[in-house]
């Protein structure tokens, strides 16, 4: 690349919208570009674009590759903002746009939907997740078993439910309004795994399902978000789409192994902890259907806090105490990094005033 082209390319990179990745919006490592699309990309998204094939996206390094005059001209004429206006012109508010930290399956399927299937240009291509009712077969993990068995699932926004059947027998019907769903392939050790979380009889329930391919997993994930947004539209007709689409689903704030003592200060027991918004749950294993216990994490003004110590006053660099309005939890991490991660996340939650939705979820836990 000539010095002139290099200088022009870096000038284009400084324009509005080009300093961040066109797809995941990170500002880190935006050192790549698709020269036929005319967009700037981070390293991770550039790798996904490269996998699409040169018919869809031709990836080049800004720093290392040679650029000819026509390619630089294309980057100047296009740019992230102009290209996104075209390829995202019908991007639904309920579709979760991936960030740098989201699961690879979501980033890959978003980029394929955007540039290969062109789902956000032609709304009719959104049918697999935009209809009021989605039906299909998923493979559900047995509550007390490791194997995944075929079950028929239905997401129905008009009936406000997710239902699943064993052949023609209804097994469960779950209200949509308080459902959360996360993509969980690594945790489940299946390639296209989803975890569906809901409250039933004051207890949290988990359902783990596997899909036949990554697109189907993201379609089901998005279908649940679409159905939840439709419910909110009916309940709050005066609210904007942007307001209603907030927090349709929420990734877990933190997950991992911790050891805990019981209220009588028994020996530590290793448990899998999950923090879902303000609800802290612990399970005997990562794929537990029902938690062994759960606690609401409120605001520090209500007596919630973290102490970087233990209840015996002895020095143990891995122990800390979570103080709630009902009891203290003696906890022990497996590494210093894990301890710091949990303390930072819990302190963030405790420092944040609860929203009306948080308070309602707390009420459901108590009723």
Protein backbone atom coordinates (compact mmCIF):
# COMPACT_ATOMS: atom_id res chain seq x y z
CA UNK A 1 0.00 0.00 0.00
CA UNK A 2 1.35 3.42 -0.91
CA UNK A 3 1.95 5.97 1.81
CA UNK A 4 -0.84 8.07 0.29
CA UNK A 5 -3.40 5.24 0.46
CA UNK A 6 -2.34 4.37 4.00
CA UNK A 7 -2.81 7.97 5.11
CA UNK A 8 -6.26 8.20 3.45
CA UNK A 9 -7.38 4.91 4.98
CA UNK A 10 -6.47 6.05 8.49
CA UNK A 11 -8.30 9.33 7.88
CA UNK A 12 -11.42 7.38 6.91
CA UNK A 13 -11.08 5.28 10.05
CA UNK A 14 -11.40 8.45 12.18
CA UNK A 15 -14.80 9.39 10.76
CA UNK A 16 -17.98 8.98 12.85
CA UNK A 17 -19.03 5.36 13.14
CA UNK A 18 -15.78 3.94 11.77
CA UNK A 19 -13.88 3.98 15.06
CA UNK A 20 -15.98 1.10 16.34
CA UNK A 21 -16.68 -2.33 14.87
CA UNK A 22 -19.60 -2.26 12.43
CA UNK A 23 -21.10 -5.39 14.02
CA UNK A 24 -20.29 -5.70 17.75
CA UNK A 25 -19.61 -1.96 18.32
CA UNK A 26 -16.40 -2.49 20.29
CA UNK A 27 -13.68 0.13 19.93
CA UNK A 28 -10.94 -2.39 20.68
CA UNK A 29 -8.71 -3.72 17.90
CA UNK A 30 -10.64 -2.12 15.03
CA UNK A 31 -7.72 -2.91 12.74
CA UNK A 32 -9.59 -4.82 10.03
CA UNK A 33 -12.01 -4.07 7.25
CA UNK A 34 -14.21 -5.69 4.63
CA UNK A 35 -13.06 -3.99 1.46
CA UNK A 36 -16.04 -5.08 -0.67
CA UNK A 37 -18.64 -4.08 1.96
CA UNK A 38 -16.77 -0.94 2.99
CA UNK A 39 -16.88 -1.47 6.77
CA UNK A 40 -14.35 -1.47 9.61
CA UNK A 41 -14.22 -4.46 11.95
CA UNK A 42 -12.64 -5.71 15.16
CA UNK A 43 -10.40 -8.76 15.08
CA UNK A 44 -13.11 -11.18 16.30
CA UNK A 45 -15.77 -10.05 13.84
CA UNK A 46 -13.19 -9.98 11.03
CA UNK A 47 -12.58 -13.67 11.71
CA UNK A 48 -16.30 -14.37 11.36
CA UNK A 49 -16.47 -12.34 8.15
CA UNK A 50 -13.56 -14.31 6.73
CA UNK A 51 -15.53 -17.53 7.34
CA UNK A 52 -18.39 -16.21 5.18
CA UNK A 53 -16.26 -16.47 2.04
CA UNK A 54 -15.07 -13.75 -0.30
CA UNK A 55 -18.39 -13.74 -2.18
CA UNK A 56 -19.90 -12.10 0.91
CA UNK A 57 -17.00 -10.33 2.62
CA UNK A 58 -13.37 -9.80 1.63
CA UNK A 59 -11.36 -9.11 4.80
CA UNK A 60 -8.10 -7.15 4.86
CA UNK A 61 -5.84 -5.85 7.59
CA UNK A 62 -5.60 -2.08 7.79
CA UNK A 63 -2.04 -2.25 9.08
CA UNK A 64 -0.54 -5.20 7.21
CA UNK A 65 -2.24 -5.65 3.84
CA UNK A 66 -1.82 -3.69 0.63
CA UNK A 67 -4.78 -1.58 -0.46
CA UNK A 68 -5.30 -0.31 -4.01
CA UNK A 69 -6.98 2.95 -4.97
CA UNK A 70 -10.36 1.36 -5.74
CA UNK A 71 -10.54 -0.39 -2.37
CA UNK A 72 -9.71 2.79 -0.48
CA UNK A 73 -12.31 4.66 -2.55
CA UNK A 74 -14.90 2.03 -1.58
CA UNK A 75 -14.10 2.52 2.13
CA UNK A 76 -14.47 6.30 1.73
CA UNK A 77 -17.81 6.03 -0.08
CA UNK A 78 -19.31 3.42 2.23
CA UNK A 79 -18.25 3.37 5.90
CA UNK A 80 -19.95 1.75 8.87
CA UNK A 81 -22.85 4.15 9.25
CA UNK A 82 -23.96 4.04 5.61
CA UNK A 83 -23.59 0.28 5.32
CA UNK A 84 -25.48 -0.35 8.57
CA UNK A 85 -28.33 1.89 7.43
CA UNK A 86 -28.77 -0.50 4.53
CA UNK A 87 -28.07 -3.91 6.09
CA UNK A 88 -29.90 -3.10 9.35
CA UNK A 89 -32.81 -1.12 7.92
CA UNK A 90 -35.38 -3.58 9.33
CA UNK A 91 -33.47 -4.85 12.36
CA UNK A 92 -36.16 -5.63 14.97
CA UNK A 93 -35.91 -4.00 18.39
CA UNK A 94 -36.16 -7.43 20.01
CA UNK A 95 -33.18 -8.87 18.11
CA UNK A 96 -30.19 -8.91 20.45
CA UNK A 97 -27.30 -7.18 18.75
CA UNK A 98 -24.13 -8.85 19.97
CA UNK A 99 -21.44 -7.08 21.92
CA UNK A 100 -17.79 -8.06 22.16
CA UNK A 101 -18.50 -10.21 25.23
CA UNK A 102 -21.48 -12.13 23.87
CA UNK A 103 -21.42 -15.80 22.96
CA UNK A 104 -19.77 -16.66 19.65
CA UNK A 105 -22.95 -18.37 18.43
CA UNK A 106 -24.88 -15.09 18.74
CA UNK A 107 -22.17 -13.06 16.98
CA UNK A 108 -21.83 -15.58 14.15
CA UNK A 109 -25.57 -15.86 13.53
CA UNK A 110 -26.07 -12.10 13.69
CA UNK A 111 -23.39 -11.53 11.06
CA UNK A 112 -24.77 -14.32 8.85
CA UNK A 113 -28.31 -12.97 9.23
CA UNK A 114 -27.10 -9.47 8.35
CA UNK A 115 -24.87 -10.10 5.33
CA UNK A 116 -25.64 -13.61 4.03
CA UNK A 117 -29.35 -14.19 4.67
CA UNK A 118 -30.10 -10.43 4.58
CA UNK A 119 -32.81 -10.83 7.21
CA UNK A 120 -32.72 -7.17 8.20
CA UNK A 121 -33.22 -5.99 4.63
CA UNK A 122 -36.16 -8.29 3.84
CA UNK A 123 -38.52 -8.64 6.85
CA UNK A 124 -40.23 -11.73 5.39
CA UNK A 125 -36.98 -13.62 6.10
CA UNK A 126 -37.56 -13.05 9.83
CA UNK A 127 -40.47 -15.50 9.92
CA UNK A 128 -38.60 -18.18 11.96
CA UNK A 129 -38.62 -15.86 14.99
CA UNK A 130 -41.10 -13.05 14.33
CA UNK A 131 -44.41 -14.94 14.21
CA UNK A 132 -46.83 -14.90 17.15
CA UNK A 133 -46.44 -18.66 17.49
CA UNK A 134 -43.34 -20.81 16.98
CA UNK A 135 -43.48 -24.59 17.13
CA UNK A 136 -40.78 -27.22 16.78
CA UNK A 137 -38.83 -30.05 18.29
CA UNK A 138 -36.05 -29.40 20.77
CA UNK A 139 -33.99 -31.84 22.80
CA UNK A 140 -34.64 -31.35 26.51
CA UNK A 141 -32.34 -32.55 29.27
CA UNK A 142 -34.10 -34.78 31.78
CA UNK A 143 -34.41 -33.26 35.24
CA UNK A 144 -32.42 -36.03 36.91
CA UNK A 145 -30.74 -37.45 33.81
CA UNK A 146 -27.87 -36.51 31.54
CA UNK A 147 -29.46 -37.43 28.22
CA UNK A 148 -31.47 -35.08 26.00
CA UNK A 149 -34.82 -36.33 24.76
CA UNK A 150 -36.98 -34.90 21.94
CA UNK A 151 -39.87 -32.72 23.08
CA UNK A 152 -42.27 -30.53 21.15
CA UNK A 153 -42.03 -26.85 22.16
CA UNK A 154 -44.37 -23.94 21.47
CA UNK A 155 -43.73 -20.23 22.08
CA UNK A 156 -47.08 -18.41 21.91
CA UNK A 157 -47.25 -14.67 22.55
CA UNK A 158 -51.05 -14.50 22.32
CA UNK A 159 -51.44 -17.19 24.99
CA UNK A 160 -48.52 -15.75 27.00
CA UNK A 161 -46.75 -19.08 27.39
CA UNK A 162 -44.00 -21.48 26.50
CA UNK A 163 -45.33 -25.03 26.40
CA UNK A 164 -43.64 -28.35 25.87
CA UNK A 165 -45.09 -31.77 25.13
CA UNK A 166 -44.05 -35.40 25.21
CA UNK A 167 -45.74 -36.49 22.02
CA UNK A 168 -49.27 -35.11 22.60
CA UNK A 169 -49.12 -34.88 26.39
CA UNK A 170 -48.65 -31.38 27.80
CA UNK A 171 -45.82 -31.47 30.33
CA UNK A 172 -45.71 -27.81 31.35
CA UNK A 173 -46.99 -24.36 30.43
CA UNK A 174 -44.77 -21.48 31.51
CA UNK A 175 -45.88 -17.81 31.58
CA UNK A 176 -43.74 -15.76 29.21
CA UNK A 177 -43.60 -12.52 31.15
CA UNK A 178 -41.03 -13.65 33.70
CA UNK A 179 -39.04 -16.07 31.55
CA UNK A 180 -35.35 -15.47 31.00
CA UNK A 181 -33.35 -17.37 28.38
CA UNK A 182 -29.60 -17.49 27.78
CA UNK A 183 -27.39 -19.14 25.20
CA UNK A 184 -25.31 -21.67 27.15
CA UNK A 185 -23.39 -24.03 24.81
CA UNK A 186 -20.14 -24.07 26.84
CA UNK A 187 -21.85 -24.62 30.19
CA UNK A 188 -24.11 -27.35 28.80
CA UNK A 189 -21.33 -28.93 26.72
CA UNK A 190 -23.67 -29.19 23.74
CA UNK A 191 -23.12 -27.09 20.62
CA UNK A 192 -26.48 -25.29 20.46
CA UNK A 193 -27.66 -25.15 24.06
CA UNK A 194 -30.28 -22.86 25.60
CA UNK A 195 -31.13 -22.41 29.27
CA UNK A 196 -34.68 -21.29 30.03
CA UNK A 197 -35.19 -19.85 33.53
CA UNK A 198 -38.56 -19.17 35.18
CA UNK A 199 -40.31 -19.07 38.57
CA UNK A 200 -42.77 -21.77 39.55
CA UNK A 201 -44.35 -22.12 42.99
CA UNK A 202 -41.92 -19.52 44.40
CA UNK A 203 -38.92 -21.55 43.21
CA UNK A 204 -36.66 -21.03 40.24
CA UNK A 205 -36.73 -23.70 37.56
CA UNK A 206 -34.23 -24.33 34.79
CA UNK A 207 -34.91 -26.12 31.52
CA UNK A 208 -31.93 -27.02 29.34
CA UNK A 209 -32.52 -27.69 25.65
CA UNK A 210 -30.30 -28.40 22.65
CA UNK A 211 -31.15 -27.41 19.09
CA UNK A 212 -30.24 -29.11 15.83
CA UNK A 213 -28.02 -26.26 14.61
CA UNK A 214 -26.73 -22.81 15.70
CA UNK A 215 -29.25 -20.89 13.59
CA UNK A 216 -32.14 -22.72 15.22
CA UNK A 217 -30.74 -21.97 18.69
CA UNK A 218 -30.59 -18.23 17.96
CA UNK A 219 -34.03 -18.36 16.26
CA UNK A 220 -35.61 -19.85 19.41
CA UNK A 221 -33.74 -17.39 21.61
CA UNK A 222 -34.97 -14.51 19.43
CA UNK A 223 -38.51 -15.91 19.22
CA UNK A 224 -38.82 -15.75 23.01
CA UNK A 225 -37.56 -12.15 22.98
CA UNK A 226 -40.04 -11.29 20.20
CA UNK A 227 -42.94 -12.85 22.11
CA UNK A 228 -42.00 -11.03 25.31
CA UNK A 229 -41.86 -7.70 23.48
CA UNK A 230 -45.32 -8.33 22.03
CA UNK A 231 -46.64 -8.94 25.56
CA UNK A 232 -45.12 -5.66 26.70
CA UNK A 233 -46.64 -3.79 23.75
CA UNK A 234 -50.10 -4.95 24.81
CA UNK A 235 -49.52 -4.10 28.47
CA UNK A 236 -47.88 -0.70 27.86
CA UNK A 237 -49.21 0.73 24.57
CA UNK A 238 -47.96 4.25 25.33
CA UNK A 239 -44.33 3.19 25.85
CA UNK A 240 -41.72 3.38 23.10
CA UNK A 241 -40.23 0.31 21.45
CA UNK A 242 -36.82 1.21 22.87
CA UNK A 243 -38.17 1.24 26.43
CA UNK A 244 -40.13 -1.98 26.00
CA UNK A 245 -37.20 -3.85 24.43
CA UNK A 246 -34.89 -3.25 27.39
CA UNK A 247 -33.90 -6.38 29.34
CA UNK A 248 -36.12 -8.76 27.37
CA UNK A 249 -33.52 -11.35 28.31
CA UNK A 250 -30.48 -10.82 30.53
CA UNK A 251 -27.23 -12.75 30.58
CA UNK A 252 -26.20 -13.93 34.01
CA UNK A 253 -24.15 -11.35 35.87
CA UNK A 254 -21.85 -14.06 37.22
CA UNK A 255 -21.63 -17.85 37.41
CA UNK A 256 -19.19 -20.35 38.83
CA UNK A 257 -18.16 -22.62 41.67
CA UNK A 258 -18.12 -21.31 45.24
CA UNK A 259 -18.16 -23.18 48.53
CA UNK A 260 -20.64 -22.15 51.23
CA UNK A 261 -21.39 -22.89 54.84
CA UNK A 262 -24.91 -23.47 56.10
CA UNK A 263 -26.49 -21.14 58.68
CA UNK A 264 -25.21 -23.39 61.48
CA UNK A 265 -21.63 -22.95 60.25
CA UNK A 266 -21.25 -26.53 58.99
CA UNK A 267 -18.30 -27.47 56.84
CA UNK A 268 -18.03 -25.89 53.41
CA UNK A 269 -19.93 -27.52 50.55
CA UNK A 270 -19.08 -26.86 46.92
CA UNK A 271 -21.99 -25.38 44.96
CA UNK A 272 -22.57 -23.88 41.52
CA UNK A 273 -23.68 -20.25 41.97
CA UNK A 274 -25.64 -18.20 39.44
CA UNK A 275 -26.51 -14.51 39.74
CA UNK A 276 -29.52 -13.73 37.56
CA UNK A 277 -30.08 -9.99 37.89
CA UNK A 278 -30.64 -9.66 41.68
CA UNK A 279 -31.38 -13.33 42.35
CA UNK A 280 -28.47 -15.40 43.66
CA UNK A 281 -29.00 -19.15 43.35
CA UNK A 282 -26.85 -22.15 44.18
CA UNK A 283 -27.07 -25.65 42.76
CA UNK A 284 -25.38 -28.97 43.37
CA UNK A 285 -24.22 -28.91 39.70
CA UNK A 286 -24.19 -26.42 36.80
CA UNK A 287 -27.16 -28.09 35.09
CA UNK A 288 -29.38 -28.31 38.14
CA UNK A 289 -33.09 -28.03 37.42
CA UNK A 290 -33.98 -26.54 40.82
CA UNK A 291 -31.66 -24.53 43.10
CA UNK A 292 -30.83 -25.82 46.55
CA UNK A 293 -31.26 -22.26 47.75
CA UNK A 294 -31.68 -18.71 46.52
CA UNK A 295 -31.48 -15.19 47.89
CA UNK A 296 -32.53 -11.76 46.72
CA UNK A 297 -29.66 -9.26 46.60
CA UNK A 298 -31.01 -5.88 47.61
CA UNK A 299 -29.52 -2.42 48.04
CA UNK A 300 -26.90 -1.53 50.63
CA UNK A 301 -29.37 0.87 52.30
CA UNK A 302 -31.45 -2.22 53.18
CA UNK A 303 -28.51 -3.88 54.95
CA UNK A 304 -26.84 -5.77 52.09
CA UNK A 305 -23.04 -5.74 51.96
CA UNK A 306 -19.88 -7.72 51.25
CA UNK A 307 -17.13 -8.28 53.81
CA UNK A 308 -13.72 -9.38 52.62
CA UNK A 309 -13.22 -11.71 55.59
CA UNK A 310 -14.87 -14.70 57.31
CA UNK A 311 -17.12 -15.09 60.34
CA UNK A 312 -14.32 -16.57 62.45
CA UNK A 313 -11.94 -13.65 62.09
CA UNK A 314 -9.20 -15.88 60.72
CA UNK A 315 -7.26 -14.90 57.64
CA UNK A 316 -8.19 -16.91 54.55
CA UNK A 317 -7.56 -15.09 51.28
CA UNK A 318 -10.35 -17.01 49.49
CA UNK A 319 -13.20 -16.38 51.97
CA UNK A 320 -15.74 -13.56 52.06
CA UNK A 321 -19.16 -12.89 53.58
CA UNK A 322 -22.34 -11.85 51.77
CA UNK A 323 -24.62 -10.06 54.25
CA UNK A 324 -28.31 -10.02 53.34
CA UNK A 325 -31.38 -8.78 55.20
CA UNK A 326 -32.17 -12.34 56.30
CA UNK A 327 -28.82 -14.05 56.93
CA UNK A 328 -25.10 -14.00 56.27
CA UNK A 329 -23.53 -16.32 53.69
CA UNK A 330 -20.01 -17.55 54.38
CA UNK A 331 -18.50 -18.11 50.94
CA UNK A 332 -15.17 -19.36 49.66
CA UNK A 333 -13.87 -18.95 46.13
CA UNK A 334 -11.51 -21.36 44.38
CA UNK A 335 -9.02 -18.71 43.24
CA UNK A 336 -8.24 -15.10 44.12
CA UNK A 337 -9.40 -14.04 40.64
CA UNK A 338 -12.76 -15.78 41.20
CA UNK A 339 -13.14 -14.10 44.57
CA UNK A 340 -12.41 -10.67 43.12
CA UNK A 341 -14.84 -11.29 40.26
CA UNK A 342 -17.68 -12.25 42.61
CA UNK A 343 -17.02 -9.40 45.04
CA UNK A 344 -16.93 -6.84 42.22
CA UNK A 345 -20.17 -8.09 40.66
CA UNK A 346 -22.03 -8.36 43.97
CA UNK A 347 -20.88 -4.90 45.06
CA UNK A 348 -22.14 -3.49 41.74
CA UNK A 349 -25.58 -5.03 42.32
CA UNK A 350 -25.70 -3.90 45.96
CA UNK A 351 -24.76 -0.34 44.95
CA UNK A 352 -27.52 -0.16 42.30
CA UNK A 353 -31.06 0.74 43.43
CA UNK A 354 -33.56 -2.01 42.54
CA UNK A 355 -35.95 -1.35 39.66
CA UNK A 356 -39.73 -1.90 39.90
CA UNK A 357 -39.23 -5.16 37.98
CA UNK A 358 -36.60 -6.25 40.53
CA UNK A 359 -39.00 -5.58 43.39
CA UNK A 360 -41.75 -7.52 41.62
CA UNK A 361 -39.43 -10.52 41.16
CA UNK A 362 -38.53 -10.32 44.87
CA UNK A 363 -42.25 -10.33 45.72
CA UNK A 364 -42.71 -13.47 43.59
CA UNK A 365 -39.95 -15.20 45.56
CA UNK A 366 -41.78 -14.42 48.81
CA UNK A 367 -45.41 -15.03 47.81
